[in-house]
């Protein structure tokens, strides 16, 4: 099954990329979903600060929450 770019997830590694990529995608009209425990940066503090800085640009969910949401929509595998 091909991946629809509108639903593709980004694994964002650098704190600056968190904000830049979320803002650009949001500005293009995408509903941005950031999986908070599937990205990282150089420290836990920097990670938390970057998540706070982009709250208005994306939905932030944990992996478990995303899996639960998808399962609720599609049913279990």
PDB file of N, CA and C in Angstrom:
ATOM      1  N   UNK A   1       0.847  -1.182   0.000  1.00  0.00           N
ATOM      2  CA  UNK A   1       0.000   0.000   0.000  1.00  0.00           C
ATOM      3  C   UNK A   1       0.885   1.236   0.000  1.00  0.00           C
ATOM      4  N   UNK A   2       0.756   2.120  -0.977  1.00  0.00           N
ATOM      5  CA  UNK A   2       1.594   3.321  -1.018  1.00  0.00           C
ATOM      6  C   UNK A   2       1.256   4.273   0.130  1.00  0.00           C
ATOM      7  N   UNK A   3       2.244   5.030   0.548  1.00  0.00           N
ATOM      8  CA  UNK A   3       2.049   5.996   1.626  1.00  0.00           C
ATOM      9  C   UNK A   3       1.607   7.316   1.020  1.00  0.00           C
ATOM     10  N   UNK A   4       0.492   7.818   1.489  1.00  0.00           N
ATOM     11  CA  UNK A   4      -0.010   9.122   1.073  1.00  0.00           C
ATOM     12  C   UNK A   4       0.841  10.189   1.770  1.00  0.00           C
ATOM     13  N   UNK A   5       1.497  11.070   1.023  1.00  0.00           N
ATOM     14  CA  UNK A   5       2.340  12.086   1.652  1.00  0.00           C
ATOM     15  C   UNK A   5       1.602  12.932   2.684  1.00  0.00           C
ATOM     16  N   UNK A   6       0.305  13.092   2.537  1.00  0.00           N
ATOM     17  CA  UNK A   6      -0.455  13.888   3.495  1.00  0.00           C
ATOM     18  C   UNK A   6      -0.535  13.208   4.850  1.00  0.00           C
ATOM     19  N   UNK A   7      -0.265  11.916   4.896  1.00  0.00           N
ATOM     20  CA  UNK A   7      -0.357  11.178   6.155  1.00  0.00           C
ATOM     21  C   UNK A   7       0.993  10.614   6.587  1.00  0.00           C
ATOM     22  N   UNK A   8       2.042  11.008   5.913  1.00  0.00           N
ATOM     23  CA  UNK A   8       3.374  10.505   6.244  1.00  0.00           C
ATOM     24  C   UNK A   8       3.850  11.113   7.554  1.00  0.00           C
ATOM     25  N   UNK A   9       4.555  10.330   8.325  1.00  0.00           N
ATOM     26  CA  UNK A   9       5.107  10.804   9.595  1.00  0.00           C
ATOM     27  C   UNK A   9       6.559  11.207   9.397  1.00  0.00           C
ATOM     28  N   UNK A  10       6.986  12.193  10.136  1.00  0.00           N
ATOM     29  CA  UNK A  10       8.370  12.638  10.092  1.00  0.00           C
ATOM     30  C   UNK A  10       9.061  12.230  11.383  1.00  0.00           C
ATOM     31  N   UNK A  11      10.211  11.616  11.256  1.00  0.00           N
ATOM     32  CA  UNK A  11      11.037  11.368  12.426  1.00  0.00           C
ATOM     33  C   UNK A  11      12.003  12.529  12.503  1.00  0.00           C
ATOM     34  N   UNK A  12      11.761  13.401  13.432  1.00  0.00           N
ATOM     35  CA  UNK A  12      12.515  14.641  13.514  1.00  0.00           C
ATOM     36  C   UNK A  12      13.546  14.517  14.638  1.00  0.00           C
ATOM     37  N   UNK A  13      14.794  14.756  14.323  1.00  0.00           N
ATOM     38  CA  UNK A  13      15.857  14.489  15.281  1.00  0.00           C
ATOM     39  C   UNK A  13      16.394  15.753  15.946  1.00  0.00           C
ATOM     40  N   UNK A  14      16.465  16.839  15.269  1.00  0.00           N
ATOM     41  CA  UNK A  14      17.048  18.051  15.842  1.00  0.00           C
ATOM     42  C   UNK A  14      15.968  19.009  16.302  1.00  0.00           C
ATOM     43  N   UNK A  15      16.189  19.677  17.415  1.00  0.00           N
ATOM     44  CA  UNK A  15      15.203  20.577  18.001  1.00  0.00           C
ATOM     45  C   UNK A  15      14.753  21.653  17.014  1.00  0.00           C
ATOM     46  N   UNK A  16      15.654  22.198  16.226  1.00  0.00           N
ATOM     47  CA  UNK A  16      15.273  23.224  15.258  1.00  0.00           C
ATOM     48  C   UNK A  16      14.345  22.645  14.202  1.00  0.00           C
ATOM     49  N   UNK A  17      14.570  21.410  13.813  1.00  0.00           N
ATOM     50  CA  UNK A  17      13.722  20.772  12.818  1.00  0.00           C
ATOM     51  C   UNK A  17      12.311  20.530  13.334  1.00  0.00           C
ATOM     52  N   UNK A  18      12.137  20.273  14.632  1.00  0.00           N
ATOM     53  CA  UNK A  18      10.795  20.119  15.195  1.00  0.00           C
ATOM     54  C   UNK A  18       9.923  21.274  14.723  1.00  0.00           C
ATOM     55  N   UNK A  19      10.409  22.470  15.038  1.00  0.00           N
ATOM     56  CA  UNK A  19       9.621  23.667  14.786  1.00  0.00           C
ATOM     57  C   UNK A  19       9.497  23.976  13.305  1.00  0.00           C
ATOM     58  N   UNK A  20      10.590  23.951  12.588  1.00  0.00           N
ATOM     59  CA  UNK A  20      10.580  24.320  11.173  1.00  0.00           C
ATOM     60  C   UNK A  20       9.665  23.401  10.380  1.00  0.00           C
ATOM     61  N   UNK A  21       9.809  22.107  10.531  1.00  0.00           N
ATOM     62  CA  UNK A  21       9.000  21.175   9.750  1.00  0.00           C
ATOM     63  C   UNK A  21       7.532  21.230  10.151  1.00  0.00           C
ATOM     64  N   UNK A  22       7.239  21.362  11.424  1.00  0.00           N
ATOM     65  CA  UNK A  22       5.848  21.462  11.857  1.00  0.00           C
ATOM     66  C   UNK A  22       5.206  22.736  11.326  1.00  0.00           C
ATOM     67  N   UNK A  23       5.928  23.847  11.389  1.00  0.00           N
ATOM     68  CA  UNK A  23       5.382  25.117  10.897  1.00  0.00           C
ATOM     69  C   UNK A  23       5.131  25.076   9.401  1.00  0.00           C
ATOM     70  N   UNK A  24       6.074  24.556   8.638  1.00  0.00           N
ATOM     71  CA  UNK A  24       5.925  24.494   7.180  1.00  0.00           C
ATOM     72  C   UNK A  24       4.741  23.616   6.808  1.00  0.00           C
ATOM     73  N   UNK A  25       4.646  22.440   7.396  1.00  0.00           N
ATOM     74  CA  UNK A  25       3.537  21.531   7.093  1.00  0.00           C
ATOM     75  C   UNK A  25       2.199  22.165   7.481  1.00  0.00           C
ATOM     76  N   UNK A  26       2.161  22.819   8.627  1.00  0.00           N
ATOM     77  CA  UNK A  26       0.936  23.493   9.072  1.00  0.00           C
ATOM     78  C   UNK A  26       0.554  24.607   8.111  1.00  0.00           C
ATOM     79  N   UNK A  27       1.540  25.399   7.710  1.00  0.00           N
ATOM     80  CA  UNK A  27       1.289  26.490   6.761  1.00  0.00           C
ATOM     81  C   UNK A  27       0.779  25.974   5.417  1.00  0.00           C
ATOM     82  N   UNK A  28       1.160  24.759   5.053  1.00  0.00           N
ATOM     83  CA  UNK A  28       0.697  24.154   3.800  1.00  0.00           C
ATOM     84  C   UNK A  28      -0.683  23.517   3.934  1.00  0.00           C
ATOM     85  N   UNK A  29      -1.245  23.561   5.141  1.00  0.00           N
ATOM     86  CA  UNK A  29      -2.592  23.057   5.352  1.00  0.00           C
ATOM     87  C   UNK A  29      -2.684  21.636   5.862  1.00  0.00           C
ATOM     88  N   UNK A  30      -1.553  21.038   6.225  1.00  0.00           N
ATOM     89  CA  UNK A  30      -1.574  19.678   6.758  1.00  0.00           C
ATOM     90  C   UNK A  30      -1.915  19.686   8.242  1.00  0.00           C
ATOM     91  N   UNK A  31      -2.597  18.652   8.702  1.00  0.00           N
ATOM     92  CA  UNK A  31      -2.790  18.428  10.123  1.00  0.00           C
ATOM     93  C   UNK A  31      -1.547  17.670  10.587  1.00  0.00           C
ATOM     94  N   UNK A  32      -0.707  18.345  11.333  1.00  0.00           N
ATOM     95  CA  UNK A  32       0.574  17.776  11.744  1.00  0.00           C
ATOM     96  C   UNK A  32       0.393  17.014  13.047  1.00  0.00           C
ATOM     97  N   UNK A  33       0.876  15.779  13.049  1.00  0.00           N
ATOM     98  CA  UNK A  33       0.856  14.947  14.239  1.00  0.00           C
ATOM     99  C   UNK A  33       2.290  14.626  14.610  1.00  0.00           C
ATOM    100  N   UNK A  34       2.717  15.042  15.776  1.00  0.00           N
ATOM    101  CA  UNK A  34       4.066  14.768  16.249  1.00  0.00           C
ATOM    102  C   UNK A  34       3.984  13.687  17.313  1.00  0.00           C
ATOM    103  N   UNK A  35       4.667  12.591  17.084  1.00  0.00           N
ATOM    104  CA  UNK A  35       4.700  11.493  18.055  1.00  0.00           C
ATOM    105  C   UNK A  35       5.856  11.797  19.006  1.00  0.00           C
ATOM    106  N   UNK A  36       5.504  12.262  20.186  1.00  0.00           N
ATOM    107  CA  UNK A  36       6.483  12.848  21.104  1.00  0.00           C
ATOM    108  C   UNK A  36       7.543  11.870  21.596  1.00  0.00           C
ATOM    109  N   UNK A  37       7.208  10.614  21.713  1.00  0.00           N
ATOM    110  CA  UNK A  37       8.203   9.655  22.188  1.00  0.00           C
ATOM    111  C   UNK A  37       8.887   8.917  21.038  1.00  0.00           C
ATOM    112  N   UNK A  38       8.711   9.426  19.820  1.00  0.00           N
ATOM    113  CA  UNK A  38       9.369   8.838  18.644  1.00  0.00           C
ATOM    114  C   UNK A  38      10.334   9.824  18.001  1.00  0.00           C
ATOM    115  N   UNK A  39      10.681  10.871  18.727  1.00  0.00           N
ATOM    116  CA  UNK A  39      11.678  11.819  18.245  1.00  0.00           C
ATOM    117  C   UNK A  39      12.543  12.208  19.429  1.00  0.00           C
ATOM    118  N   UNK A  40      13.697  12.740  19.135  1.00  0.00           N
ATOM    119  CA  UNK A  40      14.636  13.052  20.206  1.00  0.00           C
ATOM    120  C   UNK A  40      15.518  14.231  19.827  1.00  0.00           C
ATOM    121  N   UNK A  41      16.267  14.677  20.785  1.00  0.00           N
ATOM    122  CA  UNK A  41      17.277  15.700  20.560  1.00  0.00           C
ATOM    123  C   UNK A  41      18.415  15.459  21.542  1.00  0.00           C
ATOM    124  N   UNK A  42      19.237  16.453  21.798  1.00  0.00           N
ATOM    125  CA  UNK A  42      20.455  16.230  22.574  1.00  0.00           C
ATOM    126  C   UNK A  42      20.240  16.051  24.072  1.00  0.00           C
ATOM    127  N   UNK A  43      19.086  16.473  24.599  1.00  0.00           N
ATOM    128  CA  UNK A  43      18.811  16.293  26.026  1.00  0.00           C
ATOM    129  C   UNK A  43      17.309  16.262  26.255  1.00  0.00           C
ATOM    130  N   UNK A  44      16.906  15.710  27.374  1.00  0.00           N
ATOM    131  CA  UNK A  44      15.479  15.653  27.716  1.00  0.00           C
ATOM    132  C   UNK A  44      14.907  17.066  27.874  1.00  0.00           C
ATOM    133  N   UNK A  45      15.686  17.959  28.477  1.00  0.00           N
ATOM    134  CA  UNK A  45      15.224  19.335  28.660  1.00  0.00           C
ATOM    135  C   UNK A  45      15.005  20.029  27.321  1.00  0.00           C
ATOM    136  N   UNK A  46      15.935  19.874  26.420  1.00  0.00           N
ATOM    137  CA  UNK A  46      15.808  20.490  25.088  1.00  0.00           C
ATOM    138  C   UNK A  46      14.604  19.910  24.336  1.00  0.00           C
ATOM    139  N   UNK A  47      14.390  18.611  24.477  1.00  0.00           N
ATOM    140  CA  UNK A  47      13.240  17.947  23.859  1.00  0.00           C
ATOM    141  C   UNK A  47      11.938  18.556  24.386  1.00  0.00           C
ATOM    142  N   UNK A  48      11.813  18.672  25.702  1.00  0.00           N
ATOM    143  CA  UNK A  48      10.594  19.233  26.296  1.00  0.00           C
ATOM    144  C   UNK A  48      10.380  20.684  25.879  1.00  0.00           C
ATOM    145  N   UNK A  49      11.439  21.476  25.866  1.00  0.00           N
ATOM    146  CA  UNK A  49      11.304  22.879  25.457  1.00  0.00           C
ATOM    147  C   UNK A  49      10.869  22.999  23.999  1.00  0.00           C
ATOM    148  N   UNK A  50      11.381  22.113  23.154  1.00  0.00           N
ATOM    149  CA  UNK A  50      11.007  22.177  21.741  1.00  0.00           C
ATOM    150  C   UNK A  50       9.542  21.795  21.546  1.00  0.00           C
ATOM    151  N   UNK A  51       9.061  20.816  22.316  1.00  0.00           N
ATOM    152  CA  UNK A  51       7.649  20.428  22.231  1.00  0.00           C
ATOM    153  C   UNK A  51       6.744  21.565  22.683  1.00  0.00           C
ATOM    154  N   UNK A  52       7.138  22.251  23.728  1.00  0.00           N
ATOM    155  CA  UNK A  52       6.366  23.399  24.216  1.00  0.00           C
ATOM    156  C   UNK A  52       6.335  24.494  23.149  1.00  0.00           C
ATOM    157  N   UNK A  53       7.449  24.702  22.471  1.00  0.00           N
ATOM    158  CA  UNK A  53       7.550  25.771  21.485  1.00  0.00           C
ATOM    159  C   UNK A  53       6.695  25.583  20.247  1.00  0.00           C
ATOM    160  N   UNK A  54       6.281  24.360  19.959  1.00  0.00           N
ATOM    161  CA  UNK A  54       5.499  24.125  18.739  1.00  0.00           C
ATOM    162  C   UNK A  54       4.083  23.637  19.011  1.00  0.00           C
ATOM    163  N   UNK A  55       3.604  23.807  20.218  1.00  0.00           N
ATOM    164  CA  UNK A  55       2.257  23.331  20.567  1.00  0.00           C
ATOM    165  C   UNK A  55       1.183  23.800  19.594  1.00  0.00           C
ATOM    166  N   UNK A  56       1.233  25.021  19.170  1.00  0.00           N
ATOM    167  CA  UNK A  56       0.193  25.563  18.309  1.00  0.00           C
ATOM    168  C   UNK A  56       0.245  25.072  16.867  1.00  0.00           C
ATOM    169  N   UNK A  57       1.311  24.395  16.503  1.00  0.00           N
ATOM    170  CA  UNK A  57       1.473  23.947  15.126  1.00  0.00           C
ATOM    171  C   UNK A  57       1.125  22.482  14.898  1.00  0.00           C
ATOM    172  N   UNK A  58       0.996  21.704  15.968  1.00  0.00           N
ATOM    173  CA  UNK A  58       0.776  20.273  15.752  1.00  0.00           C
ATOM    174  C   UNK A  58       0.083  19.629  16.947  1.00  0.00           C
ATOM    175  N   UNK A  59      -0.592  18.507  16.633  1.00  0.00           N
ATOM    176  CA  UNK A  59      -1.107  17.644  17.695  1.00  0.00           C
ATOM    177  C   UNK A  59       0.063  16.837  18.209  1.00  0.00           C
ATOM    178  N   UNK A  60       0.190  16.733  19.494  1.00  0.00           N
ATOM    179  CA  UNK A  60       1.271  15.961  20.078  1.00  0.00           C
ATOM    180  C   UNK A  60       0.681  14.763  20.809  1.00  0.00           C
ATOM    181  N   UNK A  61       1.124  13.579  20.395  1.00  0.00           N
ATOM    182  CA  UNK A  61       0.613  12.336  20.960  1.00  0.00           C
ATOM    183  C   UNK A  61       1.773  11.375  21.183  1.00  0.00           C
ATOM    184  N   UNK A  62       1.606  10.470  22.131  1.00  0.00           N
ATOM    185  CA  UNK A  62       2.581   9.404  22.331  1.00  0.00           C
ATOM    186  C   UNK A  62       2.313   8.292  21.320  1.00  0.00           C
ATOM    187  N   UNK A  63       3.274   7.396  21.183  1.00  0.00           N
ATOM    188  CA  UNK A  63       3.104   6.259  20.281  1.00  0.00           C
ATOM    189  C   UNK A  63       1.865   5.461  20.658  1.00  0.00           C
ATOM    190  N   UNK A  64       1.683   5.175  21.941  1.00  0.00           N
ATOM    191  CA  UNK A  64       0.520   4.402  22.389  1.00  0.00           C
ATOM    192  C   UNK A  64      -0.794   5.090  22.015  1.00  0.00           C
ATOM    193  N   UNK A  65      -0.842   6.402  22.154  1.00  0.00           N
ATOM    194  CA  UNK A  65      -2.057   7.136  21.813  1.00  0.00           C
ATOM    195  C   UNK A  65      -2.336   7.080  20.313  1.00  0.00           C
ATOM    196  N   UNK A  66      -1.297   7.181  19.495  1.00  0.00           N
ATOM    197  CA  UNK A  66      -1.471   7.111  18.043  1.00  0.00           C
ATOM    198  C   UNK A  66      -1.939   5.722  17.629  1.00  0.00           C
ATOM    199  N   UNK A  67      -1.330   4.684  18.181  1.00  0.00           N
ATOM    200  CA  UNK A  67      -1.736   3.312  17.866  1.00  0.00           C
ATOM    201  C   UNK A  67      -3.190   3.085  18.273  1.00  0.00           C
ATOM    202  N   UNK A  68      -3.569   3.565  19.436  1.00  0.00           N
ATOM    203  CA  UNK A  68      -4.958   3.426  19.890  1.00  0.00           C
ATOM    204  C   UNK A  68      -5.924   4.154  18.969  1.00  0.00           C
ATOM    205  N   UNK A  69      -5.549   5.332  18.521  1.00  0.00           N
ATOM    206  CA  UNK A  69      -6.391   6.119  17.616  1.00  0.00           C
ATOM    207  C   UNK A  69      -6.562   5.408  16.268  1.00  0.00           C
ATOM    208  N   UNK A  70      -5.475   4.902  15.733  1.00  0.00           N
ATOM    209  CA  UNK A  70      -5.551   4.176  14.452  1.00  0.00           C
ATOM    210  C   UNK A  70      -6.367   2.897  14.595  1.00  0.00           C
ATOM    211  N   UNK A  71      -6.154   2.177  15.689  1.00  0.00           N
ATOM    212  CA  UNK A  71      -6.902   0.944  15.935  1.00  0.00           C
ATOM    213  C   UNK A  71      -8.392   1.224  16.068  1.00  0.00           C
ATOM    214  N   UNK A  72      -8.736   2.323  16.718  1.00  0.00           N
ATOM    215  CA  UNK A  72     -10.155   2.678  16.866  1.00  0.00           C
ATOM    216  C   UNK A  72     -10.799   2.982  15.513  1.00  0.00           C
ATOM    217  N   UNK A  73     -10.016   3.517  14.588  1.00  0.00           N
ATOM    218  CA  UNK A  73     -10.537   3.853  13.266  1.00  0.00           C
ATOM    219  C   UNK A  73     -10.563   2.666  12.306  1.00  0.00           C
ATOM    220  N   UNK A  74      -9.597   1.769  12.436  1.00  0.00           N
ATOM    221  CA  UNK A  74      -9.452   0.691  11.459  1.00  0.00           C
ATOM    222  C   UNK A  74      -9.728  -0.688  12.000  1.00  0.00           C
ATOM    223  N   UNK A  75      -9.780  -0.821  13.316  1.00  0.00           N
ATOM    224  CA  UNK A  75      -9.912  -2.146  13.927  1.00  0.00           C
ATOM    225  C   UNK A  75      -8.534  -2.765  14.108  1.00  0.00           C
ATOM    226  N   UNK A  76      -8.466  -3.805  14.953  1.00  0.00           N
ATOM    227  CA  UNK A  76      -7.169  -4.447  15.184  1.00  0.00           C
ATOM    228  C   UNK A  76      -6.662  -5.163  13.957  1.00  0.00           C
ATOM    229  N   UNK A  77      -5.336  -5.326  13.877  1.00  0.00           N
ATOM    230  CA  UNK A  77      -4.702  -6.000  12.728  1.00  0.00           C
ATOM    231  C   UNK A  77      -5.082  -7.465  12.675  1.00  0.00           C
TER     232      UNK A  77
END
